[in-house]
Amino acid sequence: MGRMKPFILSALMLIIFMCVPPESKNGGTLAQEKARLDSLRKKRCPRLMSSAAEYYRNRDWKQTVKIYSEITSLDCDEWNPTYAPPQEIYQYYAIAYEQMGKFDSSEFVLLDGLQKLPENIELRKRLAYSYKRQGKLDKEIIEYERLADMSLEDVSVLNDLSRLYKEQERYEDQILILEKILNMDENNELAQSELALAFESSGRDPLDVYKKRYQDNTENLSYGLDYADRLIQADLPQDAVVILKSVIQKDPTSKLAYRKLAEASKKTDDLEQAAQAYNALFKIDPRDERIAISLSDIFIETAEYDKALKWADKSIDVNSDNGDTYAQKAKVYFYGWDHFRKNPFTTDDRIVAKLAYNYFVIAENKGYRGIFNKKDWLDENAKDVMYGRAQWFMAEDKVKRTRKIKPVSPDYRWVTEAMLPEDDWK
């Protein structure tokens, strides 16, 4: 037993020496491998970066991807970020995949790059774009939320995030973003318009947004027009009138302001002010027959048929090819007849009814297809309502010789036009 001890000790010593590797040899291997990689990178990376740039310029996306794959495998950016800037590598690598329509591969490259450069704005923007092209809307929004936190004063990022929230109908989130934009740039017209729409879409009253936008910049007349328009929609036409008068005072040539002033005035039953607005508008734009028609309508409402007829005639003078202008004259005659007609109908009533009918016929022949058209009704009731062959037969000889007949009663003093008999009336 005693003779076995030296043998056991020797065996233990041998095992210990076998299990512990020589430090100098292993250290030498690692150093050699690093030196080999550094030598390879020093030789390959500059060439690869040059080739990648050349292929990228020539839009050879397949070769660009291949070269950047080698660059990232060699970790050229870690070896020398001056020769191989990491942002440039991962950005152009991703763009090459994008140009090939491989947005999933672009996403993979960008995620790899963001492992090294987590705060890089451009890489995150490209990642958001790759999500967009893949239809990954939730991930796109998350990236823009990160970008918004990272680049607090980048309005373009906030605008994009606002758009995404709008597409998702997340209007409360959109409102917060738009208010953040306006805190940085209170005169941002796009954000102001979008904020009003977001309020409206969310069910909240956007009127305060339009009011503040105008009050903060009263020299911007389009803001005043928008605010007035909203006031009219909110059934506050009297308030709209005040704003529109202020706009007109600053710009007396604003056709839109006069048109809206006339509209608001009619809603407040101030037809005199509405007529004045249209009158001023016609002086600015005397070739617009619609203005003359609008004035004629106002005077029909006030039963001033002489003025209504004057403006209907003026609309025809402006555009005699538009059936609407002749329909307006027919409308004046019809409403005047309806206002003054007697029971039973007088000869004058029948003359005016016939004049109305004649102009409805002309209007239709010139393409009028409007809602107000009494031609068919007058035609159906011609014997009872209109001047016809029977009345002409009973006319005085003097009238038959001149072949013209006009109303003579004071009620129809405004009718200055003579009615002509039909050719077959003998």
Protein backbone atom coordinates (compact mmCIF):
# COMPACT_ATOMS: atom_id res chain seq x y z
CA MET A 1 0.00 0.00 0.00
CA GLY A 2 2.83 2.35 0.85
CA ARG A 3 4.47 1.64 -2.49
CA MET A 4 1.35 2.86 -4.34
CA LYS A 5 1.46 6.46 -3.01
CA PRO A 6 4.21 7.78 -5.34
CA PHE A 7 2.31 6.39 -8.34
CA ILE A 8 -1.00 8.05 -7.35
CA LEU A 9 0.71 11.40 -6.77
CA SER A 10 2.39 11.26 -10.15
CA ALA A 11 -0.94 10.51 -11.88
CA LEU A 12 -2.67 13.44 -10.18
CA MET A 13 0.09 15.82 -11.22
CA LEU A 14 -0.19 14.63 -14.83
CA ILE A 15 -3.98 15.23 -14.91
CA ILE A 16 -3.59 18.75 -13.53
CA PHE A 17 -0.99 19.70 -16.11
CA MET A 18 -3.17 18.26 -18.94
CA CYS A 19 -6.31 20.24 -17.85
CA VAL A 20 -4.67 23.68 -17.66
CA PRO A 21 -3.81 24.97 -21.17
CA PRO A 22 -0.68 26.98 -21.65
CA GLU A 23 -1.62 30.68 -21.36
CA SER A 24 0.94 31.99 -23.74
CA LYS A 25 -0.14 29.66 -26.54
CA ASN A 26 -3.90 30.52 -26.33
CA GLY A 27 -3.24 34.21 -25.93
CA GLY A 28 -1.12 34.02 -28.99
CA THR A 29 -3.96 32.36 -30.98
CA LEU A 30 -6.49 35.11 -30.15
CA ALA A 31 -4.01 37.82 -30.95
CA GLN A 32 -3.18 36.13 -34.21
CA GLU A 33 -6.88 35.88 -35.19
CA LYS A 34 -7.44 39.56 -34.41
CA ALA A 35 -4.38 40.51 -36.39
CA ARG A 36 -5.61 38.37 -39.30
CA LEU A 37 -9.07 40.01 -39.24
CA ASP A 38 -7.58 43.50 -38.97
CA SER A 39 -5.32 42.78 -41.91
CA LEU A 40 -8.25 41.44 -43.93
CA ARG A 41 -10.46 44.44 -43.02
CA LYS A 42 -7.68 46.87 -43.80
CA LYS A 43 -7.36 45.33 -47.20
CA ARG A 44 -11.03 44.58 -47.99
CA CYS A 45 -13.14 47.26 -46.30
CA PRO A 46 -11.95 50.31 -48.27
CA ARG A 47 -12.36 48.39 -51.52
CA LEU A 48 -15.79 47.13 -50.54
CA MET A 49 -16.95 50.61 -49.53
CA SER A 50 -15.72 52.01 -52.85
CA SER A 51 -17.46 49.25 -54.80
CA ALA A 52 -20.69 49.72 -52.83
CA ALA A 53 -20.70 53.44 -53.63
CA GLU A 54 -20.10 52.73 -57.33
CA TYR A 55 -22.88 50.13 -57.57
CA TYR A 56 -25.23 52.47 -55.66
CA ARG A 57 -24.53 55.35 -58.07
CA ASN A 58 -25.19 53.04 -61.03
CA ARG A 59 -28.42 51.81 -59.40
CA ASP A 60 -27.22 48.21 -59.53
CA TRP A 61 -29.22 47.26 -56.45
CA LYS A 62 -28.48 43.55 -56.52
CA GLN A 63 -24.70 44.11 -56.42
CA THR A 64 -25.13 46.92 -53.89
CA VAL A 65 -26.90 44.51 -51.54
CA LYS A 66 -24.23 41.86 -52.08
CA ILE A 67 -21.37 44.24 -51.28
CA TYR A 68 -23.05 45.71 -48.20
CA SER A 69 -23.70 42.17 -46.97
CA GLU A 70 -19.93 41.54 -47.04
CA ILE A 71 -19.27 44.90 -45.37
CA THR A 72 -21.58 44.11 -42.46
CA SER A 73 -20.23 40.54 -42.16
CA LEU A 74 -16.73 41.95 -41.77
CA ASP A 75 -17.98 44.62 -39.30
CA CYS A 76 -16.13 47.25 -41.31
CA ASP A 77 -17.86 50.01 -39.35
CA GLU A 78 -16.41 48.66 -36.09
CA TRP A 79 -12.95 48.40 -37.57
CA ASN A 80 -12.84 51.97 -38.89
CA PRO A 81 -15.98 54.14 -38.77
CA THR A 82 -14.19 56.83 -40.82
CA TYR A 83 -13.75 54.52 -43.82
CA ALA A 84 -17.07 52.84 -43.17
CA PRO A 85 -19.62 55.14 -41.42
CA PRO A 86 -22.26 52.86 -39.88
CA GLN A 87 -25.21 55.16 -40.69
CA GLU A 88 -24.20 55.28 -44.34
CA ILE A 89 -23.82 51.51 -44.53
CA TYR A 90 -27.19 50.59 -43.05
CA GLN A 91 -29.06 53.41 -44.74
CA TYR A 92 -27.84 52.65 -48.27
CA TYR A 93 -28.05 48.91 -47.65
CA ALA A 94 -31.74 49.35 -46.71
CA ILE A 95 -32.43 51.68 -49.64
CA ALA A 96 -31.03 49.10 -52.07
CA TYR A 97 -33.49 46.55 -50.73
CA GLU A 98 -36.28 49.13 -50.99
CA GLN A 99 -35.45 49.72 -54.64
CA MET A 100 -35.77 45.98 -55.19
CA GLY A 101 -39.18 46.02 -53.47
CA LYS A 102 -37.90 43.86 -50.62
CA PHE A 103 -39.16 45.91 -47.70
CA ASP A 104 -39.01 42.98 -45.26
CA SER A 105 -35.26 42.70 -45.94
CA SER A 106 -34.94 46.47 -45.59
CA GLU A 107 -36.64 46.18 -42.19
CA PHE A 108 -34.17 43.46 -41.11
CA VAL A 109 -31.15 45.57 -42.12
CA LEU A 110 -32.47 48.67 -40.35
CA LEU A 111 -33.24 46.79 -37.14
CA ASP A 112 -29.66 45.44 -37.25
CA GLY A 113 -28.32 48.96 -37.74
CA LEU A 114 -30.44 50.35 -34.91
CA GLN A 115 -28.88 47.79 -32.55
CA LYS A 116 -25.67 49.75 -33.04
CA LEU A 117 -27.21 53.20 -33.54
CA PRO A 118 -30.43 53.26 -31.46
CA GLU A 119 -30.65 57.10 -31.51
CA ASN A 120 -30.21 57.49 -35.26
CA ILE A 121 -33.09 59.54 -36.67
CA GLU A 122 -32.59 58.73 -40.35
CA LEU A 123 -32.51 54.97 -39.79
CA ARG A 124 -35.72 55.16 -37.77
CA LYS A 125 -37.42 57.18 -40.51
CA ARG A 126 -36.44 54.55 -43.05
CA LEU A 127 -37.68 51.82 -40.74
CA ALA A 128 -41.03 53.62 -40.43
CA TYR A 129 -41.14 53.80 -44.23
CA SER A 130 -40.47 50.07 -44.57
CA TYR A 131 -43.33 49.39 -42.15
CA LYS A 132 -45.58 51.65 -44.21
CA ARG A 133 -44.79 49.79 -47.42
CA GLN A 134 -45.49 46.48 -45.72
CA GLY A 135 -48.80 47.71 -44.33
CA LYS A 136 -47.58 47.43 -40.74
CA LEU A 137 -49.41 50.56 -39.64
CA ASP A 138 -49.20 49.92 -35.89
CA LYS A 139 -45.41 49.51 -36.08
CA GLU A 140 -45.12 52.58 -38.30
CA ILE A 141 -46.98 54.63 -35.68
CA ILE A 142 -44.75 53.30 -32.89
CA GLU A 143 -41.65 54.37 -34.83
CA TYR A 144 -43.04 57.86 -35.40
CA GLU A 145 -43.92 58.12 -31.71
CA ARG A 146 -40.28 57.27 -30.92
CA LEU A 147 -39.11 59.81 -33.48
CA ALA A 148 -41.39 62.46 -31.96
CA ASP A 149 -39.79 61.84 -28.55
CA MET A 150 -36.27 61.85 -30.02
CA SER A 151 -36.60 64.92 -32.27
CA LEU A 152 -38.82 67.24 -30.28
CA GLU A 153 -38.64 70.14 -32.76
CA ASP A 154 -38.93 68.21 -36.03
CA VAL A 155 -42.27 69.46 -37.35
CA SER A 156 -42.16 67.09 -40.34
CA VAL A 157 -42.14 64.10 -37.98
CA LEU A 158 -45.07 65.52 -36.02
CA ASN A 159 -46.97 66.17 -39.24
CA ASP A 160 -46.46 62.57 -40.31
CA LEU A 161 -47.59 61.30 -36.93
CA SER A 162 -50.66 63.55 -37.10
CA ARG A 163 -51.49 62.07 -40.51
CA LEU A 164 -51.17 58.53 -39.19
CA TYR A 165 -53.42 59.25 -36.20
CA LYS A 166 -55.96 60.78 -38.60
CA GLU A 167 -55.91 57.67 -40.82
CA GLN A 168 -56.54 55.54 -37.73
CA GLU A 169 -59.29 57.94 -36.56
CA ARG A 170 -57.35 58.54 -33.35
CA TYR A 171 -58.47 62.16 -33.28
CA GLU A 172 -57.71 62.87 -29.61
CA ASP A 173 -54.09 61.78 -30.15
CA GLN A 174 -53.97 63.83 -33.34
CA ILE A 175 -55.20 66.91 -31.48
CA LEU A 176 -52.37 66.59 -28.94
CA ILE A 177 -49.78 66.39 -31.71
CA LEU A 178 -51.24 69.33 -33.62
CA GLU A 179 -51.33 71.45 -30.47
CA LYS A 180 -47.66 70.57 -29.92
CA ILE A 181 -46.90 71.79 -33.47
CA LEU A 182 -48.79 75.05 -32.86
CA ASN A 183 -46.92 75.61 -29.60
CA MET A 184 -43.74 75.66 -31.70
CA ASP A 185 -45.23 77.50 -34.69
CA GLU A 186 -48.51 79.23 -33.89
CA ASN A 187 -48.92 80.44 -37.50
CA ASN A 188 -48.62 76.99 -39.05
CA GLU A 189 -51.58 77.07 -41.44
CA LEU A 190 -51.58 73.33 -42.14
CA ALA A 191 -51.68 72.47 -38.44
CA GLN A 192 -54.43 75.03 -37.79
CA SER A 193 -56.61 73.62 -40.56
CA GLU A 194 -55.97 70.04 -39.49
CA LEU A 195 -56.70 70.90 -35.86
CA ALA A 196 -60.11 72.32 -36.78
CA LEU A 197 -60.90 69.19 -38.80
CA ALA A 198 -59.70 66.95 -35.96
CA PHE A 199 -61.95 68.78 -33.49
CA GLU A 200 -64.87 68.38 -35.86
CA SER A 201 -64.13 64.67 -36.45
CA SER A 202 -63.82 64.03 -32.73
CA GLY A 203 -67.24 65.58 -32.11
CA ARG A 204 -65.80 68.67 -30.42
CA ASP A 205 -66.67 72.22 -31.53
CA PRO A 206 -63.99 73.52 -33.90
CA LEU A 207 -65.33 77.09 -33.80
CA ASP A 208 -62.86 78.15 -31.11
CA VAL A 209 -59.99 76.95 -33.28
CA TYR A 210 -61.11 79.10 -36.21
CA LYS A 211 -61.73 82.04 -33.89
CA LYS A 212 -58.28 81.88 -32.28
CA ARG A 213 -56.59 81.41 -35.64
CA TYR A 214 -58.23 84.58 -36.97
CA GLN A 215 -57.78 86.66 -33.83
CA ASP A 216 -54.08 85.75 -33.70
CA ASN A 217 -53.61 86.94 -37.27
CA THR A 218 -56.34 89.33 -38.37
CA GLU A 219 -54.30 90.39 -41.40
CA ASN A 220 -54.74 86.93 -42.87
CA LEU A 221 -58.08 87.47 -44.57
CA SER A 222 -58.53 83.81 -45.51
CA TYR A 223 -58.69 83.06 -41.77
CA GLY A 224 -61.46 85.62 -41.43
CA LEU A 225 -63.38 84.05 -44.31
CA ASP A 226 -62.99 80.58 -42.80
CA TYR A 227 -64.13 81.83 -39.40
CA ALA A 228 -67.14 83.61 -40.91
CA ASP A 229 -68.06 80.49 -42.84
CA ARG A 230 -67.98 78.47 -39.63
CA LEU A 231 -70.12 81.06 -37.87
CA ILE A 232 -72.71 80.81 -40.64
CA GLN A 233 -72.68 77.00 -40.35
CA ALA A 234 -73.12 77.33 -36.59
CA ASP A 235 -76.22 79.47 -37.19
CA LEU A 236 -74.49 82.62 -35.97
CA PRO A 237 -74.87 84.76 -39.11
CA GLN A 238 -74.92 88.08 -37.24
CA ASP A 239 -71.45 87.35 -35.83
CA ALA A 240 -70.34 86.34 -39.32
CA VAL A 241 -71.51 89.70 -40.68
CA VAL A 242 -69.19 91.54 -38.25
CA ILE A 243 -66.18 89.47 -39.33
CA LEU A 244 -66.98 89.81 -43.04
CA LYS A 245 -67.33 93.59 -42.81
CA SER A 246 -63.92 93.69 -41.18
CA VAL A 247 -62.45 91.57 -43.99
CA ILE A 248 -64.05 93.82 -46.64
CA GLN A 249 -62.69 96.90 -44.91
CA LYS A 250 -59.18 95.46 -45.32
CA ASP A 251 -59.83 94.19 -48.85
CA PRO A 252 -62.72 95.92 -50.67
CA THR A 253 -62.09 93.74 -53.75
CA SER A 254 -62.73 90.39 -52.05
CA LYS A 255 -65.50 88.75 -54.10
CA LEU A 256 -65.77 85.85 -51.67
CA ALA A 257 -66.22 88.21 -48.71
CA TYR A 258 -69.09 90.06 -50.44
CA ARG A 259 -70.72 86.77 -51.45
CA LYS A 260 -70.55 85.44 -47.88
CA LEU A 261 -71.76 88.78 -46.51
CA ALA A 262 -74.83 88.57 -48.75
CA GLU A 263 -75.43 84.98 -47.58
CA ALA A 264 -75.09 85.90 -43.89
CA SER A 265 -77.30 88.98 -44.33
CA LYS A 266 -80.08 86.89 -45.90
CA LYS A 267 -79.93 84.54 -42.91
CA THR A 268 -80.51 87.52 -40.60
CA ASP A 269 -83.37 88.70 -42.85
CA ASP A 270 -81.44 91.87 -43.64
CA LEU A 271 -82.28 91.77 -47.35
CA GLU A 272 -81.29 95.39 -47.86
CA GLN A 273 -77.75 94.64 -46.67
CA ALA A 274 -77.70 91.47 -48.81
CA ALA A 275 -78.68 93.53 -51.87
CA GLN A 276 -75.95 96.07 -51.11
CA ALA A 277 -73.39 93.26 -50.87
CA TYR A 278 -74.46 91.78 -54.21
CA ASN A 279 -74.49 95.25 -55.77
CA ALA A 280 -70.89 95.82 -54.66
CA LEU A 281 -69.97 92.37 -55.91
CA PHE A 282 -71.50 93.07 -59.33
CA LYS A 283 -69.39 96.22 -59.64
CA ILE A 284 -66.29 94.11 -59.05
CA ASP A 285 -67.41 91.34 -61.39
CA PRO A 286 -69.99 92.70 -63.87
CA ARG A 287 -69.66 89.65 -66.14
CA ASP A 288 -71.08 87.19 -63.63
CA GLU A 289 -74.76 86.67 -64.43
CA ARG A 290 -75.23 84.67 -61.20
CA ILE A 291 -74.84 87.87 -59.18
CA ALA A 292 -77.58 89.58 -61.17
CA ILE A 293 -79.83 86.53 -60.67
CA SER A 294 -79.18 86.62 -56.91
CA LEU A 295 -80.13 90.31 -56.79
CA SER A 296 -83.29 89.58 -58.76
CA ASP A 297 -84.20 86.87 -56.23
CA ILE A 298 -83.81 89.30 -53.32
CA PHE A 299 -86.16 91.81 -54.95
CA ILE A 300 -88.69 89.04 -55.61
CA GLU A 301 -88.66 88.37 -51.86
CA THR A 302 -89.26 92.04 -51.11
CA ALA A 303 -91.99 92.19 -53.81
CA GLU A 304 -90.05 94.90 -55.67
CA TYR A 305 -90.82 93.41 -59.05
CA ASP A 306 -89.56 96.36 -61.06
CA LYS A 307 -86.08 95.88 -59.56
CA ALA A 308 -86.34 92.11 -59.80
CA LEU A 309 -87.16 92.41 -63.51
CA LYS A 310 -84.35 94.92 -64.07
CA TRP A 311 -81.75 92.50 -62.67
CA ALA A 312 -83.22 89.54 -64.54
CA ASP A 313 -82.85 91.55 -67.76
CA LYS A 314 -79.30 92.45 -66.74
CA SER A 315 -78.46 88.77 -66.28
CA ILE A 316 -79.67 88.12 -69.86
CA ASP A 317 -77.54 91.03 -71.11
CA VAL A 318 -74.49 89.45 -69.44
CA ASN A 319 -75.11 85.95 -70.78
CA SER A 320 -77.89 85.42 -73.27
CA ASP A 321 -76.77 81.84 -73.93
CA ASN A 322 -77.50 80.71 -70.37
CA GLY A 323 -81.00 79.31 -69.90
CA ASP A 324 -80.87 80.25 -66.21
CA THR A 325 -81.08 83.95 -67.08
CA TYR A 326 -84.31 83.52 -69.07
CA ALA A 327 -85.72 81.27 -66.34
CA GLN A 328 -85.06 84.09 -63.88
CA LYS A 329 -87.14 86.50 -65.96
CA ALA A 330 -89.91 83.91 -66.17
CA LYS A 331 -89.69 83.53 -62.39
CA VAL A 332 -90.16 87.29 -61.86
CA TYR A 333 -93.25 87.32 -64.07
CA PHE A 334 -94.69 84.24 -62.40
CA TYR A 335 -94.20 85.51 -58.83
CA GLY A 336 -95.52 88.96 -59.83
CA TRP A 337 -98.60 87.34 -61.41
CA ASP A 338 -99.11 85.19 -58.29
CA HIS A 339 -98.81 88.29 -56.08
CA PHE A 340 -101.24 90.55 -57.99
CA ARG A 341 -103.69 88.14 -59.69
CA LYS A 342 -107.37 88.64 -59.14
CA ASN A 343 -110.26 86.20 -58.88
CA PRO A 344 -111.44 85.78 -61.56
CA PHE A 345 -108.28 86.42 -63.60
CA THR A 346 -108.16 89.75 -65.41
CA THR A 347 -106.82 90.28 -68.91
CA ASP A 348 -103.67 91.76 -67.38
CA ASP A 349 -103.21 88.66 -65.19
CA ARG A 350 -103.44 86.48 -68.28
CA ILE A 351 -100.91 88.60 -70.20
CA VAL A 352 -98.32 88.33 -67.42
CA ALA A 353 -98.92 84.57 -67.06
CA LYS A 354 -98.34 84.22 -70.82
CA LEU A 355 -95.10 86.23 -70.60
CA ALA A 356 -93.89 83.93 -67.80
CA TYR A 357 -94.73 80.88 -69.93
CA ASN A 358 -92.91 82.27 -72.98
CA TYR A 359 -89.70 82.80 -71.01
CA PHE A 360 -89.87 79.33 -69.43
CA VAL A 361 -90.03 77.94 -72.99
CA ILE A 362 -86.97 79.99 -74.06
CA ALA A 363 -85.11 78.90 -70.91
CA GLU A 364 -85.72 75.21 -71.62
CA ASN A 365 -84.62 75.64 -75.23
CA LYS A 366 -81.37 77.10 -73.93
CA GLY A 367 -80.72 74.16 -71.63
CA TYR A 368 -82.36 75.26 -68.38
CA ARG A 369 -82.97 72.25 -66.11
CA GLY A 370 -83.51 74.03 -62.81
CA ILE A 371 -85.97 73.14 -60.08
CA PHE A 372 -88.23 76.17 -60.48
CA ASN A 373 -90.08 75.67 -63.75
CA LYS A 374 -93.82 76.36 -64.09
CA LYS A 375 -94.02 75.80 -67.86
CA ASP A 376 -95.87 72.48 -67.66
CA TRP A 377 -98.31 73.78 -65.04
CA LEU A 378 -99.08 76.86 -67.12
CA ASP A 379 -99.47 74.69 -70.21
CA GLU A 380 -101.92 72.37 -68.45
CA ASN A 381 -103.97 75.32 -67.19
CA ALA A 382 -103.58 77.51 -70.26
CA LYS A 383 -107.29 78.11 -70.93
CA ASP A 384 -107.94 79.16 -67.35
CA VAL A 385 -104.76 81.13 -66.66
CA MET A 386 -103.03 82.46 -69.78
CA TYR A 387 -103.91 84.95 -72.48
CA GLY A 388 -104.78 82.95 -75.60
CA ARG A 389 -106.66 82.83 -78.90
CA ALA A 390 -110.04 83.48 -77.22
CA GLN A 391 -108.82 86.67 -75.52
CA TRP A 392 -107.11 87.84 -78.69
CA PHE A 393 -110.35 87.37 -80.63
CA MET A 394 -112.05 89.78 -78.21
CA ALA A 395 -109.22 92.36 -78.34
CA GLU A 396 -109.76 95.87 -79.72
CA ASP A 397 -108.99 96.50 -83.36
CA LYS A 398 -106.20 98.92 -82.44
CA VAL A 399 -104.46 96.19 -80.46
CA LYS A 400 -104.86 93.70 -83.30
CA ARG A 401 -103.38 96.17 -85.79
CA THR A 402 -100.24 96.75 -83.68
CA ARG A 403 -100.10 93.05 -82.73
CA LYS A 404 -98.88 94.05 -79.29
CA ILE A 405 -100.62 94.06 -75.94
CA LYS A 406 -99.45 95.23 -72.51
CA PRO A 407 -100.96 95.25 -69.02
CA VAL A 408 -102.55 98.59 -68.15
CA SER A 409 -103.46 98.22 -64.45
CA PRO A 410 -101.33 100.01 -61.82
CA ASP A 411 -100.37 96.65 -60.22
CA TYR A 412 -98.50 95.71 -63.36
CA ARG A 413 -96.89 99.06 -64.05
CA TRP A 414 -93.51 97.33 -63.70
CA VAL A 415 -94.25 95.16 -66.77
CA THR A 416 -92.91 97.29 -69.62
CA GLU A 417 -92.70 94.49 -72.15
CA ALA A 418 -95.52 93.90 -74.62
CA MET A 419 -96.86 90.42 -75.26
CA LEU A 420 -96.92 89.34 -78.91
CA PRO A 421 -99.76 87.14 -80.19
CA GLU A 422 -99.02 83.71 -81.63
CA ASP A 423 -98.72 83.52 -85.44
CA ASP A 424 -101.87 81.39 -85.78
CA TRP A 425 -104.08 83.79 -83.81
CA LYS A 426 -106.34 85.40 -86.35
